[in-house]
Each structure stands twice: as structure tokens, then as C-alpha cells.
């Protein structure tokens, strides 16, 4: 998982830099795996659940892939900086 994604963080989707969302939670799916007579539980990330207010003041919840999201502070620097973040170029290689 991307280590920068935390609950409560303000983010935008790379396809809509004007819509500010808040990370609600990371959604996991888990299942049991049987190997050589033993059982263990394996989890994987399904997506990142984000919330935002609509025009009527109601919360809308949407699911996004972590690679689609950009922190608001990076998106505030402009569209090209947001694209550099999504592509993990320059300073963003370790995200």
C-alpha cells in the first residue's frame, strides 16, 4: 500500500483536480489460504474509500485506486506537478 495514504487526508483524483475529497478508509478483502496442511489469512487492498460533500450537503462515498489519488498539497502546485506525482517522477519516486 502507498504509505502516504492516511485516513482524514485531503486528496483529489487525477481526472478531477477541482473535487476535493477526504480519505475515509482503506478497504481490504481477506480470505483463508490453505498451504501444506496449515491455514492462514491473506488480505489485499480493494481500494481507497473517499468521501466528499455534494451540493445538498450530503456525504458521497466513492472508491478509488491509490494510484489515481494525489494529495491536495501536491495538486495545489498545478496539474503538471500532480501528473509527476501520479507517475512517481522526481521527488515522488518513494511514494
N, C-alpha and C. Protein backbone atom coordinates (compact mmCIF):
# COMPACT_ATOMS: atom_id res chain seq x y z
N UNK A 1 0.84 -1.18 0.00
CA UNK A 1 0.00 0.00 0.00
C UNK A 1 0.88 1.24 0.00
N UNK A 2 0.37 2.26 -0.59
CA UNK A 2 1.07 3.53 -0.57
C UNK A 2 1.09 4.05 0.87
N UNK A 3 2.28 4.35 1.37
CA UNK A 3 2.41 4.77 2.76
C UNK A 3 1.90 6.18 3.01
N UNK A 4 1.68 6.96 2.00
CA UNK A 4 1.24 8.33 2.20
C UNK A 4 -0.25 8.44 2.45
N UNK A 5 -1.03 7.41 2.13
CA UNK A 5 -2.48 7.47 2.27
C UNK A 5 -2.86 7.17 3.72
N UNK A 6 -3.50 8.15 4.34
CA UNK A 6 -3.94 8.02 5.73
C UNK A 6 -5.39 8.50 5.82
N UNK A 7 -6.12 7.96 6.75
CA UNK A 7 -7.49 8.38 6.98
C UNK A 7 -7.50 9.86 7.38
N UNK A 8 -8.40 10.63 6.78
CA UNK A 8 -8.52 12.05 7.07
C UNK A 8 -7.72 12.95 6.15
N UNK A 9 -6.89 12.39 5.27
CA UNK A 9 -6.07 13.17 4.36
C UNK A 9 -6.93 13.74 3.23
N UNK A 10 -6.70 15.00 2.87
CA UNK A 10 -7.40 15.63 1.75
C UNK A 10 -6.69 15.25 0.45
N UNK A 11 -7.45 14.75 -0.52
CA UNK A 11 -6.91 14.29 -1.79
C UNK A 11 -7.81 14.74 -2.93
N UNK A 12 -7.29 14.60 -4.15
CA UNK A 12 -8.08 14.78 -5.37
C UNK A 12 -7.78 13.61 -6.30
N UNK A 13 -8.69 13.37 -7.22
CA UNK A 13 -8.47 12.35 -8.24
C UNK A 13 -7.77 13.03 -9.40
N UNK A 14 -6.84 12.36 -10.03
CA UNK A 14 -6.06 12.95 -11.13
C UNK A 14 -6.95 13.39 -12.29
N UNK A 15 -8.13 12.79 -12.43
CA UNK A 15 -9.03 13.16 -13.52
C UNK A 15 -9.90 14.37 -13.19
N UNK A 16 -9.94 14.78 -11.91
CA UNK A 16 -10.74 15.93 -11.50
C UNK A 16 -10.04 16.62 -10.33
N UNK A 17 -9.14 17.52 -10.64
CA UNK A 17 -8.35 18.18 -9.61
C UNK A 17 -9.14 19.21 -8.81
N UNK A 18 -10.36 19.53 -9.24
CA UNK A 18 -11.18 20.52 -8.55
C UNK A 18 -12.02 19.91 -7.42
N UNK A 19 -12.29 18.61 -7.47
CA UNK A 19 -13.13 17.95 -6.47
C UNK A 19 -12.28 17.46 -5.30
N UNK A 20 -12.35 18.15 -4.18
CA UNK A 20 -11.56 17.78 -3.00
C UNK A 20 -12.31 16.71 -2.22
N UNK A 21 -11.60 15.65 -1.87
CA UNK A 21 -12.17 14.53 -1.12
C UNK A 21 -11.32 14.30 0.12
N UNK A 22 -11.89 13.56 1.07
CA UNK A 22 -11.18 13.16 2.27
C UNK A 22 -11.10 11.64 2.30
N UNK A 23 -9.91 11.11 2.57
CA UNK A 23 -9.76 9.66 2.66
C UNK A 23 -10.53 9.18 3.89
N UNK A 24 -11.46 8.27 3.68
CA UNK A 24 -12.26 7.72 4.77
C UNK A 24 -11.56 6.48 5.35
N UNK A 25 -11.23 5.52 4.47
CA UNK A 25 -10.55 4.31 4.94
C UNK A 25 -9.99 3.53 3.76
N UNK A 26 -9.07 2.66 4.07
CA UNK A 26 -8.54 1.71 3.09
C UNK A 26 -9.41 0.46 3.21
N UNK A 27 -9.91 -0.03 2.10
CA UNK A 27 -10.81 -1.19 2.09
C UNK A 27 -10.01 -2.44 1.71
N UNK A 28 -10.10 -3.46 2.55
CA UNK A 28 -9.39 -4.72 2.35
C UNK A 28 -10.39 -5.84 2.09
N UNK A 29 -9.92 -6.86 1.41
CA UNK A 29 -10.66 -8.10 1.25
C UNK A 29 -9.74 -9.21 1.76
N UNK A 30 -10.27 -10.05 2.61
CA UNK A 30 -9.42 -11.12 3.14
C UNK A 30 -10.07 -12.48 2.88
N UNK A 31 -9.20 -13.48 2.85
CA UNK A 31 -9.68 -14.85 2.65
C UNK A 31 -8.69 -15.82 3.28
N UNK A 32 -9.14 -17.04 3.46
CA UNK A 32 -8.27 -18.08 4.02
C UNK A 32 -7.54 -18.80 2.90
N UNK A 33 -6.28 -19.09 3.15
CA UNK A 33 -5.46 -19.83 2.19
C UNK A 33 -4.93 -21.07 2.91
N UNK A 34 -5.04 -22.21 2.25
CA UNK A 34 -4.55 -23.46 2.82
C UNK A 34 -3.28 -23.88 2.09
N UNK A 35 -2.20 -24.02 2.84
CA UNK A 35 -0.94 -24.46 2.26
C UNK A 35 -0.34 -25.55 3.14
N UNK A 36 -0.06 -26.69 2.55
CA UNK A 36 0.63 -27.78 3.22
C UNK A 36 0.06 -28.07 4.60
N UNK A 37 -1.26 -28.19 4.65
CA UNK A 37 -1.91 -28.56 5.89
C UNK A 37 -2.12 -27.43 6.89
N UNK A 38 -1.68 -26.25 6.58
CA UNK A 38 -1.90 -25.13 7.50
C UNK A 38 -2.81 -24.09 6.84
N UNK A 39 -3.43 -23.32 7.68
CA UNK A 39 -4.35 -22.32 7.20
C UNK A 39 -3.85 -20.94 7.63
N UNK A 40 -3.91 -19.98 6.71
CA UNK A 40 -3.56 -18.61 7.08
C UNK A 40 -4.49 -17.66 6.35
N UNK A 41 -4.63 -16.46 6.90
CA UNK A 41 -5.49 -15.45 6.31
C UNK A 41 -4.64 -14.47 5.52
N UNK A 42 -5.08 -14.18 4.29
CA UNK A 42 -4.38 -13.27 3.39
C UNK A 42 -5.32 -12.10 3.08
N UNK A 43 -4.79 -10.89 3.15
CA UNK A 43 -5.58 -9.70 2.84
C UNK A 43 -4.98 -8.97 1.65
N UNK A 44 -5.85 -8.33 0.88
CA UNK A 44 -5.37 -7.48 -0.20
C UNK A 44 -6.24 -6.23 -0.24
N UNK A 45 -5.68 -5.16 -0.75
CA UNK A 45 -6.40 -3.90 -0.82
C UNK A 45 -7.34 -3.92 -2.01
N UNK A 46 -8.60 -3.57 -1.75
CA UNK A 46 -9.60 -3.46 -2.80
C UNK A 46 -9.60 -2.05 -3.36
N UNK A 47 -9.43 -1.06 -2.50
CA UNK A 47 -9.42 0.34 -2.95
C UNK A 47 -9.38 1.29 -1.77
N UNK A 48 -9.43 2.56 -2.07
CA UNK A 48 -9.41 3.62 -1.08
C UNK A 48 -10.78 4.28 -1.10
N UNK A 49 -11.50 4.23 0.03
CA UNK A 49 -12.80 4.87 0.12
C UNK A 49 -12.62 6.33 0.51
N UNK A 50 -13.18 7.22 -0.31
CA UNK A 50 -13.09 8.66 -0.06
C UNK A 50 -14.50 9.22 0.09
N UNK A 51 -14.59 10.33 0.79
CA UNK A 51 -15.89 10.98 0.94
C UNK A 51 -15.77 12.45 0.58
N UNK A 52 -16.87 13.00 0.07
CA UNK A 52 -16.94 14.43 -0.25
C UNK A 52 -18.38 14.88 -0.12
N UNK A 53 -18.56 16.16 0.10
CA UNK A 53 -19.90 16.73 0.21
C UNK A 53 -20.43 17.09 -1.16
N UNK A 54 -21.71 16.78 -1.40
CA UNK A 54 -22.32 17.19 -2.65
C UNK A 54 -22.99 18.56 -2.46
N UNK A 55 -23.67 19.05 -3.44
CA UNK A 55 -24.30 20.36 -3.40
C UNK A 55 -25.41 20.48 -2.36
N UNK A 56 -25.97 19.34 -1.95
CA UNK A 56 -27.07 19.34 -0.97
C UNK A 56 -26.58 19.14 0.46
N UNK A 57 -25.26 19.05 0.64
CA UNK A 57 -24.71 18.86 1.98
C UNK A 57 -24.70 17.42 2.45
N UNK A 58 -24.85 16.47 1.54
CA UNK A 58 -24.82 15.05 1.88
C UNK A 58 -23.45 14.47 1.53
N UNK A 59 -23.02 13.49 2.30
CA UNK A 59 -21.74 12.83 2.03
C UNK A 59 -21.90 11.82 0.91
N UNK A 60 -21.03 11.88 -0.06
CA UNK A 60 -20.93 10.88 -1.13
C UNK A 60 -19.66 10.07 -0.89
N UNK A 61 -19.77 8.76 -0.94
CA UNK A 61 -18.62 7.87 -0.75
C UNK A 61 -18.28 7.23 -2.09
N UNK A 62 -17.01 7.29 -2.45
CA UNK A 62 -16.55 6.71 -3.71
C UNK A 62 -15.30 5.89 -3.45
N UNK A 63 -15.07 4.91 -4.31
CA UNK A 63 -13.89 4.05 -4.20
C UNK A 63 -12.93 4.40 -5.32
N UNK A 64 -11.64 4.50 -4.97
CA UNK A 64 -10.61 4.85 -5.94
C UNK A 64 -9.41 3.92 -5.79
N UNK A 65 -8.66 3.80 -6.87
CA UNK A 65 -7.38 3.11 -6.80
C UNK A 65 -6.37 4.10 -6.23
N UNK A 66 -5.43 3.61 -5.44
CA UNK A 66 -4.47 4.51 -4.80
C UNK A 66 -3.62 5.28 -5.81
N UNK A 67 -3.41 4.71 -6.99
CA UNK A 67 -2.59 5.39 -8.00
C UNK A 67 -3.33 6.51 -8.71
N UNK A 68 -4.64 6.64 -8.48
CA UNK A 68 -5.42 7.73 -9.07
C UNK A 68 -5.42 8.96 -8.18
N UNK A 69 -5.06 8.81 -6.90
CA UNK A 69 -5.19 9.89 -5.93
C UNK A 69 -3.91 10.71 -5.79
N UNK A 70 -4.10 11.99 -5.55
CA UNK A 70 -3.00 12.92 -5.38
C UNK A 70 -3.28 13.73 -4.12
N UNK A 71 -2.30 13.89 -3.22
CA UNK A 71 -2.53 14.73 -2.04
C UNK A 71 -2.88 16.16 -2.46
N UNK A 72 -3.74 16.80 -1.72
CA UNK A 72 -4.18 18.15 -2.06
C UNK A 72 -3.02 19.13 -2.11
N UNK A 73 -2.06 18.97 -1.22
CA UNK A 73 -0.92 19.89 -1.21
C UNK A 73 -0.09 19.79 -2.49
N UNK A 74 -0.02 18.61 -3.09
CA UNK A 74 0.70 18.44 -4.37
C UNK A 74 -0.14 18.99 -5.51
N UNK A 75 -1.44 18.70 -5.51
CA UNK A 75 -2.33 19.17 -6.57
C UNK A 75 -2.42 20.69 -6.59
N UNK A 76 -2.23 21.31 -5.44
CA UNK A 76 -2.27 22.76 -5.36
C UNK A 76 -1.11 23.42 -6.10
N UNK A 77 -0.07 22.67 -6.42
CA UNK A 77 1.09 23.19 -7.13
C UNK A 77 0.87 23.21 -8.64
N UNK A 78 -0.25 22.63 -9.10
CA UNK A 78 -0.57 22.65 -10.53
C UNK A 78 -0.74 21.26 -11.11
N UNK A 79 -1.31 21.24 -12.30
CA UNK A 79 -1.63 19.99 -12.98
C UNK A 79 -0.38 19.18 -13.32
N UNK A 80 0.67 19.86 -13.78
CA UNK A 80 1.89 19.13 -14.15
C UNK A 80 2.53 18.48 -12.92
N UNK A 81 2.46 19.14 -11.78
CA UNK A 81 3.02 18.56 -10.55
C UNK A 81 2.20 17.33 -10.13
N UNK A 82 0.88 17.40 -10.30
CA UNK A 82 0.01 16.25 -9.99
C UNK A 82 0.33 15.08 -10.91
N UNK A 83 0.60 15.36 -12.18
CA UNK A 83 0.96 14.29 -13.12
C UNK A 83 2.30 13.68 -12.73
N UNK A 84 3.25 14.51 -12.31
CA UNK A 84 4.54 14.00 -11.85
C UNK A 84 4.36 13.09 -10.64
N UNK A 85 3.42 13.43 -9.75
CA UNK A 85 3.15 12.60 -8.58
C UNK A 85 2.58 11.25 -9.00
N UNK A 86 1.60 11.26 -9.88
CA UNK A 86 0.97 10.01 -10.33
C UNK A 86 1.99 9.11 -11.02
N UNK A 87 2.90 9.71 -11.79
CA UNK A 87 3.93 8.93 -12.49
C UNK A 87 5.14 8.62 -11.60
N UNK A 88 5.13 9.14 -10.38
CA UNK A 88 6.21 8.94 -9.40
C UNK A 88 7.56 9.38 -9.97
N UNK A 89 7.56 10.60 -10.50
CA UNK A 89 8.78 11.17 -11.07
C UNK A 89 9.43 12.13 -10.09
N UNK A 90 10.73 12.28 -10.19
CA UNK A 90 11.47 13.25 -9.39
C UNK A 90 11.37 12.99 -7.90
N UNK A 91 10.92 13.99 -7.16
CA UNK A 91 10.83 13.90 -5.71
C UNK A 91 9.82 12.85 -5.23
N UNK A 92 8.97 12.38 -6.10
CA UNK A 92 7.87 11.50 -5.70
C UNK A 92 8.17 10.01 -5.93
N UNK A 93 9.40 9.65 -6.23
CA UNK A 93 9.74 8.25 -6.50
C UNK A 93 9.46 7.33 -5.31
N UNK A 94 9.60 7.83 -4.11
CA UNK A 94 9.48 6.98 -2.92
C UNK A 94 8.07 6.93 -2.35
N UNK A 95 7.07 7.50 -3.03
CA UNK A 95 5.70 7.46 -2.52
C UNK A 95 5.05 6.15 -2.85
